[in-house]
């Protein structure tokens, strides 16, 4: 089992760590909608990507659509998975509170 876990990575660079429990026993778990490699922690079950941050252009475009009061499902479809529905609702609440 241990050999299988180690064999799932190319060995280049440091092994990814779970952001929740800091375990290095993680497996590849598919590709996100944004095209990034996803990992699943064997210890706590969390699924994560190594660099979840949005680029500034995607953020700016999404914020402009939110300010124009475009429906959330339309924003999700236009952004094609680069921004989650959860992020959009959170940012929408923050912009309306300002």
PDB file of N, CA and C in Angstrom:
ATOM      1  N   UNK A   1       0.823  -1.195   0.000  1.00  0.00           N
ATOM      2  CA  UNK A   1       0.000   0.000   0.000  1.00  0.00           C
ATOM      3  C   UNK A   1       0.863   1.253   0.000  1.00  0.00           C
ATOM      4  N   UNK A   2       1.905   1.256   0.806  1.00  0.00           N
ATOM      5  CA  UNK A   2       2.776   2.421   0.887  1.00  0.00           C
ATOM      6  C   UNK A   2       3.454   2.695  -0.460  1.00  0.00           C
ATOM      7  N   UNK A   3       3.884   1.646  -1.133  1.00  0.00           N
ATOM      8  CA  UNK A   3       4.528   1.815  -2.434  1.00  0.00           C
ATOM      9  C   UNK A   3       3.546   2.415  -3.437  1.00  0.00           C
ATOM     10  N   UNK A   4       2.284   2.023  -3.336  1.00  0.00           N
ATOM     11  CA  UNK A   4       1.277   2.562  -4.245  1.00  0.00           C
ATOM     12  C   UNK A   4       1.081   4.047  -3.999  1.00  0.00           C
ATOM     13  N   UNK A   5       1.024   4.453  -2.728  1.00  0.00           N
ATOM     14  CA  UNK A   5       0.861   5.862  -2.406  1.00  0.00           C
ATOM     15  C   UNK A   5       2.030   6.675  -2.933  1.00  0.00           C
ATOM     16  N   UNK A   6       3.249   6.166  -2.748  1.00  0.00           N
ATOM     17  CA  UNK A   6       4.426   6.892  -3.205  1.00  0.00           C
ATOM     18  C   UNK A   6       4.510   6.917  -4.719  1.00  0.00           C
ATOM     19  N   UNK A   7       4.008   5.880  -5.363  1.00  0.00           N
ATOM     20  CA  UNK A   7       4.099   5.792  -6.807  1.00  0.00           C
ATOM     21  C   UNK A   7       3.149   6.718  -7.551  1.00  0.00           C
ATOM     22  N   UNK A   8       2.262   7.371  -6.865  1.00  0.00           N
ATOM     23  CA  UNK A   8       1.285   8.216  -7.535  1.00  0.00           C
ATOM     24  C   UNK A   8       1.801   9.614  -7.819  1.00  0.00           C
ATOM     25  N   UNK A   9       3.040   9.911  -7.421  1.00  0.00           N
ATOM     26  CA  UNK A   9       3.620  11.221  -7.672  1.00  0.00           C
ATOM     27  C   UNK A   9       4.898  11.058  -8.476  1.00  0.00           C
ATOM     28  N   UNK A  10       5.237  12.069  -9.220  1.00  0.00           N
ATOM     29  CA  UNK A  10       6.409  11.982 -10.087  1.00  0.00           C
ATOM     30  C   UNK A  10       7.709  12.060  -9.308  1.00  0.00           C
ATOM     31  N   UNK A  11       7.681  12.530  -8.069  1.00  0.00           N
ATOM     32  CA  UNK A  11       8.894  12.635  -7.275  1.00  0.00           C
ATOM     33  C   UNK A  11       9.580  13.981  -7.443  1.00  0.00           C
ATOM     34  N   UNK A  12       9.174  14.773  -8.408  1.00  0.00           N
ATOM     35  CA  UNK A  12       9.779  16.085  -8.612  1.00  0.00           C
ATOM     36  C   UNK A  12       9.200  17.067  -7.603  1.00  0.00           C
ATOM     37  N   UNK A  13      10.058  17.662  -6.812  1.00  0.00           N
ATOM     38  CA  UNK A  13       9.597  18.654  -5.846  1.00  0.00           C
ATOM     39  C   UNK A  13       9.067  18.015  -4.580  1.00  0.00           C
ATOM     40  N   UNK A  14       8.534  18.836  -3.721  1.00  0.00           N
ATOM     41  CA  UNK A  14       8.017  18.379  -2.434  1.00  0.00           C
ATOM     42  C   UNK A  14       6.608  17.830  -2.588  1.00  0.00           C
ATOM     43  N   UNK A  15       6.269  16.829  -1.783  1.00  0.00           N
ATOM     44  CA  UNK A  15       4.925  16.253  -1.824  1.00  0.00           C
ATOM     45  C   UNK A  15       3.917  17.258  -1.289  1.00  0.00           C
ATOM     46  N   UNK A  16       2.727  17.300  -1.857  1.00  0.00           N
ATOM     47  CA  UNK A  16       1.713  18.240  -1.366  1.00  0.00           C
ATOM     48  C   UNK A  16       1.269  17.883   0.050  1.00  0.00           C
ATOM     49  N   UNK A  17       0.908  18.907   0.824  1.00  0.00           N
ATOM     50  CA  UNK A  17       0.401  18.718   2.186  1.00  0.00           C
ATOM     51  C   UNK A  17      -1.061  19.146   2.230  1.00  0.00           C
ATOM     52  N   UNK A  18      -1.819  18.436   3.043  1.00  0.00           N
ATOM     53  CA  UNK A  18      -3.228  18.768   3.243  1.00  0.00           C
ATOM     54  C   UNK A  18      -3.307  20.085   4.009  1.00  0.00           C
ATOM     55  N   UNK A  19      -4.115  21.046   3.539  1.00  0.00           N
ATOM     56  CA  UNK A  19      -4.232  22.314   4.262  1.00  0.00           C
ATOM     57  C   UNK A  19      -4.972  22.175   5.597  1.00  0.00           C
ATOM     58  N   UNK A  20      -5.748  21.122   5.779  1.00  0.00           N
ATOM     59  CA  UNK A  20      -6.497  20.929   7.022  1.00  0.00           C
ATOM     60  C   UNK A  20      -5.662  20.245   8.097  1.00  0.00           C
ATOM     61  N   UNK A  21      -5.055  19.091   7.767  1.00  0.00           N
ATOM     62  CA  UNK A  21      -4.362  18.295   8.792  1.00  0.00           C
ATOM     63  C   UNK A  21      -2.853  18.217   8.588  1.00  0.00           C
ATOM     64  N   UNK A  22      -2.330  18.827   7.531  1.00  0.00           N
ATOM     65  CA  UNK A  22      -0.896  18.865   7.217  1.00  0.00           C
ATOM     66  C   UNK A  22      -0.301  17.494   6.890  1.00  0.00           C
ATOM     67  N   UNK A  23      -1.119  16.517   6.578  1.00  0.00           N
ATOM     68  CA  UNK A  23      -0.630  15.187   6.215  1.00  0.00           C
ATOM     69  C   UNK A  23      -0.031  15.215   4.811  1.00  0.00           C
ATOM     70  N   UNK A  24       0.976  14.392   4.579  1.00  0.00           N
ATOM     71  CA  UNK A  24       1.542  14.261   3.236  1.00  0.00           C
ATOM     72  C   UNK A  24       1.024  13.013   2.525  1.00  0.00           C
ATOM     73  N   UNK A  25       0.143  12.274   3.170  1.00  0.00           N
ATOM     74  CA  UNK A  25      -0.444  11.079   2.563  1.00  0.00           C
ATOM     75  C   UNK A  25      -1.687  11.529   1.791  1.00  0.00           C
ATOM     76  N   UNK A  26      -1.445  11.982   0.558  1.00  0.00           N
ATOM     77  CA  UNK A  26      -2.522  12.472  -0.298  1.00  0.00           C
ATOM     78  C   UNK A  26      -2.449  11.753  -1.636  1.00  0.00           C
ATOM     79  N   UNK A  27      -3.589  11.637  -2.276  1.00  0.00           N
ATOM     80  CA  UNK A  27      -3.685  11.006  -3.587  1.00  0.00           C
ATOM     81  C   UNK A  27      -4.215  12.008  -4.584  1.00  0.00           C
ATOM     82  N   UNK A  28      -3.829  11.823  -5.825  1.00  0.00           N
ATOM     83  CA  UNK A  28      -4.423  12.631  -6.886  1.00  0.00           C
ATOM     84  C   UNK A  28      -5.889  12.252  -6.991  1.00  0.00           C
ATOM     85  N   UNK A  29      -6.704  13.268  -7.228  1.00  0.00           N
ATOM     86  CA  UNK A  29      -8.146  13.033  -7.207  1.00  0.00           C
ATOM     87  C   UNK A  29      -8.824  13.784  -8.348  1.00  0.00           C
ATOM     88  N   UNK A  30      -8.331  13.642  -9.554  1.00  0.00           N
ATOM     89  CA  UNK A  30      -8.969  14.258 -10.703  1.00  0.00           C
ATOM     90  C   UNK A  30      -8.508  15.677 -10.965  1.00  0.00           C
ATOM     91  N   UNK A  31      -9.254  16.341 -11.825  1.00  0.00           N
ATOM     92  CA  UNK A  31      -8.938  17.694 -12.271  1.00  0.00           C
ATOM     93  C   UNK A  31     -10.132  18.589 -11.946  1.00  0.00           C
ATOM     94  N   UNK A  32      -9.864  19.801 -11.438  1.00  0.00           N
ATOM     95  CA  UNK A  32     -10.945  20.736 -11.134  1.00  0.00           C
ATOM     96  C   UNK A  32     -11.514  21.310 -12.432  1.00  0.00           C
ATOM     97  N   UNK A  33     -12.598  22.024 -12.334  1.00  0.00           N
ATOM     98  CA  UNK A  33     -13.191  22.643 -13.522  1.00  0.00           C
ATOM     99  C   UNK A  33     -12.257  23.673 -14.135  1.00  0.00           C
ATOM    100  N   UNK A  34     -11.394  24.248 -13.303  1.00  0.00           N
ATOM    101  CA  UNK A  34     -10.431  25.232 -13.793  1.00  0.00           C
ATOM    102  C   UNK A  34      -9.197  24.572 -14.401  1.00  0.00           C
ATOM    103  N   UNK A  35      -9.156  23.234 -14.425  1.00  0.00           N
ATOM    104  CA  UNK A  35      -8.059  22.518 -15.039  1.00  0.00           C
ATOM    105  C   UNK A  35      -6.879  22.266 -14.116  1.00  0.00           C
ATOM    106  N   UNK A  36      -7.056  22.451 -12.815  1.00  0.00           N
ATOM    107  CA  UNK A  36      -5.970  22.232 -11.855  1.00  0.00           C
ATOM    108  C   UNK A  36      -6.066  20.836 -11.252  1.00  0.00           C
ATOM    109  N   UNK A  37      -4.904  20.252 -10.939  1.00  0.00           N
ATOM    110  CA  UNK A  37      -4.853  18.935 -10.329  1.00  0.00           C
ATOM    111  C   UNK A  37      -5.454  18.990  -8.922  1.00  0.00           C
ATOM    112  N   UNK A  38      -6.384  18.087  -8.612  1.00  0.00           N
ATOM    113  CA  UNK A  38      -6.969  18.004  -7.275  1.00  0.00           C
ATOM    114  C   UNK A  38      -6.326  16.851  -6.521  1.00  0.00           C
ATOM    115  N   UNK A  39      -6.261  17.007  -5.203  1.00  0.00           N
ATOM    116  CA  UNK A  39      -5.713  15.972  -4.326  1.00  0.00           C
ATOM    117  C   UNK A  39      -6.713  15.670  -3.225  1.00  0.00           C
ATOM    118  N   UNK A  40      -6.714  14.415  -2.741  1.00  0.00           N
ATOM    119  CA  UNK A  40      -7.558  14.014  -1.619  1.00  0.00           C
ATOM    120  C   UNK A  40      -6.645  13.512  -0.507  1.00  0.00           C
ATOM    121  N   UNK A  41      -6.860  14.055   0.703  1.00  0.00           N
ATOM    122  CA  UNK A  41      -6.081  13.637   1.863  1.00  0.00           C
ATOM    123  C   UNK A  41      -6.614  12.298   2.352  1.00  0.00           C
ATOM    124  N   UNK A  42      -5.712  11.362   2.551  1.00  0.00           N
ATOM    125  CA  UNK A  42      -6.130  10.047   3.025  1.00  0.00           C
ATOM    126  C   UNK A  42      -6.521  10.105   4.504  1.00  0.00           C
ATOM    127  N   UNK A  43      -5.946  11.060   5.258  1.00  0.00           N
ATOM    128  CA  UNK A  43      -6.228  11.169   6.691  1.00  0.00           C
ATOM    129  C   UNK A  43      -7.597  11.757   6.996  1.00  0.00           C
ATOM    130  N   UNK A  44      -7.896  12.924   6.404  1.00  0.00           N
ATOM    131  CA  UNK A  44      -9.148  13.604   6.763  1.00  0.00           C
ATOM    132  C   UNK A  44     -10.169  13.642   5.628  1.00  0.00           C
ATOM    133  N   UNK A  45      -9.779  13.244   4.413  1.00  0.00           N
ATOM    134  CA  UNK A  45     -10.727  13.190   3.303  1.00  0.00           C
ATOM    135  C   UNK A  45     -10.926  14.480   2.540  1.00  0.00           C
ATOM    136  N   UNK A  46     -10.210  15.532   2.914  1.00  0.00           N
ATOM    137  CA  UNK A  46     -10.393  16.821   2.248  1.00  0.00           C
ATOM    138  C   UNK A  46      -9.852  16.770   0.826  1.00  0.00           C
ATOM    139  N   UNK A  47     -10.582  17.400  -0.104  1.00  0.00           N
ATOM    140  CA  UNK A  47     -10.138  17.524  -1.485  1.00  0.00           C
ATOM    141  C   UNK A  47      -9.656  18.958  -1.668  1.00  0.00           C
ATOM    142  N   UNK A  48      -8.466  19.135  -2.260  1.00  0.00           N
ATOM    143  CA  UNK A  48      -7.896  20.474  -2.386  1.00  0.00           C
ATOM    144  C   UNK A  48      -7.034  20.568  -3.640  1.00  0.00           C
ATOM    145  N   UNK A  49      -6.716  21.793  -4.036  1.00  0.00           N
ATOM    146  CA  UNK A  49      -5.763  22.063  -5.109  1.00  0.00           C
ATOM    147  C   UNK A  49      -4.594  22.815  -4.494  1.00  0.00           C
ATOM    148  N   UNK A  50      -3.435  22.766  -5.129  1.00  0.00           N
ATOM    149  CA  UNK A  50      -2.247  23.390  -4.550  1.00  0.00           C
ATOM    150  C   UNK A  50      -2.286  24.910  -4.623  1.00  0.00           C
ATOM    151  N   UNK A  51      -2.788  25.469  -5.706  1.00  0.00           N
ATOM    152  CA  UNK A  51      -2.840  26.932  -5.823  1.00  0.00           C
ATOM    153  C   UNK A  51      -4.267  27.356  -6.150  1.00  0.00           C
ATOM    154  N   UNK A  52      -5.105  27.536  -5.134  1.00  0.00           N
ATOM    155  CA  UNK A  52      -6.509  27.817  -5.375  1.00  0.00           C
ATOM    156  C   UNK A  52      -6.816  29.263  -5.730  1.00  0.00           C
ATOM    157  N   UNK A  53      -5.816  30.117  -5.746  1.00  0.00           N
ATOM    158  CA  UNK A  53      -6.070  31.540  -5.898  1.00  0.00           C
ATOM    159  C   UNK A  53      -6.468  31.902  -7.320  1.00  0.00           C
ATOM    160  N   UNK A  54      -7.336  32.881  -7.425  1.00  0.00           N
ATOM    161  CA  UNK A  54      -7.833  33.341  -8.711  1.00  0.00           C
ATOM    162  C   UNK A  54      -6.885  34.372  -9.285  1.00  0.00           C
ATOM    163  N   UNK A  55      -6.779  34.405 -10.591  1.00  0.00           N
ATOM    164  CA  UNK A  55      -5.976  35.467 -11.175  1.00  0.00           C
ATOM    165  C   UNK A  55      -6.795  36.760 -11.158  1.00  0.00           C
ATOM    166  N   UNK A  56      -6.121  37.865 -11.208  1.00  0.00           N
ATOM    167  CA  UNK A  56      -6.766  39.173 -11.057  1.00  0.00           C
ATOM    168  C   UNK A  56      -7.771  39.469 -12.162  1.00  0.00           C
ATOM    169  N   UNK A  57      -7.495  39.022 -13.373  1.00  0.00           N
ATOM    170  CA  UNK A  57      -8.409  39.268 -14.485  1.00  0.00           C
ATOM    171  C   UNK A  57      -9.745  38.566 -14.267  1.00  0.00           C
ATOM    172  N   UNK A  58      -9.709  37.318 -13.803  1.00  0.00           N
ATOM    173  CA  UNK A  58     -10.947  36.572 -13.537  1.00  0.00           C
ATOM    174  C   UNK A  58     -11.737  37.232 -12.411  1.00  0.00           C
ATOM    175  N   UNK A  59     -11.046  37.670 -11.356  1.00  0.00           N
ATOM    176  CA  UNK A  59     -11.723  38.354 -10.242  1.00  0.00           C
ATOM    177  C   UNK A  59     -12.394  39.634 -10.714  1.00  0.00           C
ATOM    178  N   UNK A  60     -11.657  40.415 -11.477  1.00  0.00           N
ATOM    179  CA  UNK A  60     -12.181  41.699 -11.951  1.00  0.00           C
ATOM    180  C   UNK A  60     -13.412  41.496 -12.836  1.00  0.00           C
ATOM    181  N   UNK A  61     -13.345  40.531 -13.729  1.00  0.00           N
ATOM    182  CA  UNK A  61     -14.470  40.249 -14.620  1.00  0.00           C
ATOM    183  C   UNK A  61     -15.692  39.796 -13.823  1.00  0.00           C
ATOM    184  N   UNK A  62     -15.489  38.901 -12.859  1.00  0.00           N
ATOM    185  CA  UNK A  62     -16.604  38.419 -12.040  1.00  0.00           C
ATOM    186  C   UNK A  62     -17.207  39.549 -11.217  1.00  0.00           C
ATOM    187  N   UNK A  63     -16.375  40.404 -10.648  1.00  0.00           N
ATOM    188  CA  UNK A  63     -16.887  41.525  -9.850  1.00  0.00           C
ATOM    189  C   UNK A  63     -17.686  42.495 -10.718  1.00  0.00           C
ATOM    190  N   UNK A  64     -17.233  42.723 -11.949  1.00  0.00           N
ATOM    191  CA  UNK A  64     -17.989  43.603 -12.850  1.00  0.00           C
ATOM    192  C   UNK A  64     -19.355  43.010 -13.164  1.00  0.00           C
ATOM    193  N   UNK A  65     -19.420  41.688 -13.365  1.00  0.00           N
ATOM    194  CA  UNK A  65     -20.706  41.036 -13.644  1.00  0.00           C
ATOM    195  C   UNK A  65     -21.614  41.090 -12.415  1.00  0.00           C
ATOM    196  N   UNK A  66     -21.040  40.934 -11.218  1.00  0.00           N
ATOM    197  CA  UNK A  66     -21.833  41.018  -9.990  1.00  0.00           C
ATOM    198  C   UNK A  66     -22.412  42.420  -9.842  1.00  0.00           C
ATOM    199  N   UNK A  67     -21.595  43.448 -10.097  1.00  0.00           N
ATOM    200  CA  UNK A  67     -22.062  44.839  -9.992  1.00  0.00           C
ATOM    201  C   UNK A  67     -23.142  45.157 -11.013  1.00  0.00           C
ATOM    202  N   UNK A  68     -23.094  44.485 -12.159  1.00  0.00           N
ATOM    203  CA  UNK A  68     -24.120  44.683 -13.194  1.00  0.00           C
ATOM    204  C   UNK A  68     -25.387  43.872 -12.915  1.00  0.00           C
ATOM    205  N   UNK A  69     -25.389  43.169 -11.769  1.00  0.00           N
ATOM    206  CA  UNK A  69     -26.528  42.371 -11.319  1.00  0.00           C
ATOM    207  C   UNK A  69     -26.888  41.234 -12.282  1.00  0.00           C
ATOM    208  N   UNK A  70     -25.867  40.627 -12.836  1.00  0.00           N
ATOM    209  CA  UNK A  70     -26.056  39.450 -13.685  1.00  0.00           C
ATOM    210  C   UNK A  70     -26.281  38.255 -12.764  1.00  0.00           C
ATOM    211  N   UNK A  71     -27.171  37.370 -13.126  1.00  0.00           N
ATOM    212  CA  UNK A  71     -27.525  36.217 -12.295  1.00  0.00           C
ATOM    213  C   UNK A  71     -26.309  35.324 -12.050  1.00  0.00           C
ATOM    214  N   UNK A  72     -26.238  34.767 -10.851  1.00  0.00           N
ATOM    215  CA  UNK A  72     -25.106  33.934 -10.447  1.00  0.00           C
ATOM    216  C   UNK A  72     -24.905  32.731 -11.383  1.00  0.00           C
ATOM    217  N   UNK A  73     -25.958  31.989 -11.773  1.00  0.00           N
ATOM    218  CA  UNK A  73     -25.729  30.865 -12.691  1.00  0.00           C
ATOM    219  C   UNK A  73     -25.118  31.300 -14.026  1.00  0.00           C
ATOM    220  N   UNK A  74     -25.454  32.489 -14.479  1.00  0.00           N
ATOM    221  CA  UNK A  74     -24.883  32.997 -15.730  1.00  0.00           C
ATOM    222  C   UNK A  74     -23.398  33.304 -15.535  1.00  0.00           C
ATOM    223  N   UNK A  75     -23.040  33.897 -14.396  1.00  0.00           N
ATOM    224  CA  UNK A  75     -21.633  34.196 -14.114  1.00  0.00           C
ATOM    225  C   UNK A  75     -20.820  32.903 -14.056  1.00  0.00           C
ATOM    226  N   UNK A  76     -21.368  31.895 -13.393  1.00  0.00           N
ATOM    227  CA  UNK A  76     -20.671  30.603 -13.294  1.00  0.00           C
ATOM    228  C   UNK A  76     -20.449  30.022 -14.682  1.00  0.00           C
ATOM    229  N   UNK A  77     -21.470  30.082 -15.519  1.00  0.00           N
ATOM    230  CA  UNK A  77     -21.365  29.528 -16.867  1.00  0.00           C
ATOM    231  C   UNK A  77     -20.344  30.307 -17.707  1.00  0.00           C
ATOM    232  N   UNK A  78     -20.357  31.640 -17.594  1.00  0.00           N
ATOM    233  CA  UNK A  78     -19.421  32.464 -18.367  1.00  0.00           C
ATOM    234  C   UNK A  78     -17.979  32.236 -17.910  1.00  0.00           C
ATOM    235  N   UNK A  79     -17.791  32.114 -16.609  1.00  0.00           N
ATOM    236  CA  UNK A  79     -16.438  31.928 -16.070  1.00  0.00           C
ATOM    237  C   UNK A  79     -15.944  30.506 -16.271  1.00  0.00           C
ATOM    238  N   UNK A  80     -16.790  29.599 -16.705  1.00  0.00           N
ATOM    239  CA  UNK A  80     -16.432  28.240 -17.100  1.00  0.00           C
ATOM    240  C   UNK A  80     -15.613  27.505 -16.041  1.00  0.00           C
ATOM    241  N   UNK A  81     -16.052  27.612 -14.783  1.00  0.00           N
ATOM    242  CA  UNK A  81     -15.413  26.867 -13.715  1.00  0.00           C
ATOM    243  C   UNK A  81     -14.224  27.537 -13.064  1.00  0.00           C
ATOM    244  N   UNK A  82     -13.820  28.699 -13.548  1.00  0.00           N
ATOM    245  CA  UNK A  82     -12.676  29.381 -12.945  1.00  0.00           C
ATOM    246  C   UNK A  82     -13.032  30.022 -11.612  1.00  0.00           C
ATOM    247  N   UNK A  83     -14.314  30.262 -11.376  1.00  0.00           N
ATOM    248  CA  UNK A  83     -14.774  30.834 -10.110  1.00  0.00           C
ATOM    249  C   UNK A  83     -15.962  30.010  -9.638  1.00  0.00           C
ATOM    250  N   UNK A  84     -15.951  29.658  -8.366  1.00  0.00           N
ATOM    251  CA  UNK A  84     -17.021  28.816  -7.838  1.00  0.00           C
ATOM    252  C   UNK A  84     -18.263  29.637  -7.507  1.00  0.00           C
ATOM    253  N   UNK A  85     -19.372  28.958  -7.491  1.00  0.00           N
ATOM    254  CA  UNK A  85     -20.645  29.578  -7.114  1.00  0.00           C
ATOM    255  C   UNK A  85     -20.557  30.125  -5.693  1.00  0.00           C
ATOM    256  N   UNK A  86     -19.881  29.385  -4.827  1.00  0.00           N
ATOM    257  CA  UNK A  86     -19.706  29.803  -3.434  1.00  0.00           C
ATOM    258  C   UNK A  86     -18.950  31.128  -3.341  1.00  0.00           C
ATOM    259  N   UNK A  87     -17.855  31.263  -4.121  1.00  0.00           N
ATOM    260  CA  UNK A  87     -17.080  32.499  -4.114  1.00  0.00           C
ATOM    261  C   UNK A  87     -17.923  33.670  -4.605  1.00  0.00           C
ATOM    262  N   UNK A  88     -18.722  33.429  -5.646  1.00  0.00           N
ATOM    263  CA  UNK A  88     -19.541  34.502  -6.214  1.00  0.00           C
ATOM    264  C   UNK A  88     -20.561  35.002  -5.191  1.00  0.00           C
ATOM    265  N   UNK A  89     -21.261  34.075  -4.510  1.00  0.00           N
ATOM    266  CA  UNK A  89     -22.239  34.506  -3.504  1.00  0.00           C
ATOM    267  C   UNK A  89     -21.560  35.251  -2.355  1.00  0.00           C
ATOM    268  N   UNK A  90     -20.388  34.781  -1.945  1.00  0.00           N
ATOM    269  CA  UNK A  90     -19.659  35.450  -0.857  1.00  0.00           C
ATOM    270  C   UNK A  90     -19.257  36.864  -1.283  1.00  0.00           C
ATOM    271  N   UNK A  91     -18.706  36.979  -2.479  1.00  0.00           N
ATOM    272  CA  UNK A  91     -18.265  38.295  -2.973  1.00  0.00           C
ATOM    273  C   UNK A  91     -19.453  39.213  -3.215  1.00  0.00           C
ATOM    274  N   UNK A  92     -20.557  38.657  -3.656  1.00  0.00           N
ATOM    275  CA  UNK A  92     -21.768  39.451  -3.885  1.00  0.00           C
ATOM    276  C   UNK A  92     -22.246  40.077  -2.565  1.00  0.00           C
ATOM    277  N   UNK A  93     -22.229  39.297  -1.492  1.00  0.00           N
ATOM    278  CA  UNK A  93     -22.591  39.831  -0.178  1.00  0.00           C
ATOM    279  C   UNK A  93     -21.647  40.910   0.292  1.00  0.00           C
ATOM    280  N   UNK A  94     -20.343  40.727   0.043  1.00  0.00           N
ATOM    281  CA  UNK A  94     -19.361  41.728   0.439  1.00  0.00           C
ATOM    282  C   UNK A  94     -19.538  43.026  -0.334  1.00  0.00           C
ATOM    283  N   UNK A  95     -19.804  42.933  -1.636  1.00  0.00           N
ATOM    284  CA  UNK A  95     -19.977  44.141  -2.456  1.00  0.00           C
ATOM    285  C   UNK A  95     -21.242  44.901  -2.081  1.00  0.00           C
ATOM    286  N   UNK A  96     -22.303  44.189  -1.746  1.00  0.00           N
ATOM    287  CA  UNK A  96     -23.546  44.862  -1.378  1.00  0.00           C
ATOM    288  C   UNK A  96     -23.481  45.459   0.022  1.00  0.00           C
ATOM    289  N   UNK A  97     -22.581  44.944   0.855  1.00  0.00           N
ATOM    290  CA  UNK A  97     -22.412  45.490   2.215  1.00  0.00           C
ATOM    291  C   UNK A  97     -21.625  46.790   2.182  1.00  0.00           C
ATOM    292  N   UNK A  98     -20.831  47.005   1.132  1.00  0.00           N
ATOM    293  CA  UNK A  98     -20.012  48.222   1.042  1.00  0.00           C
ATOM    294  C   UNK A  98     -20.822  49.458   0.787  1.00  0.00           C
TER     295      UNK A  98
END
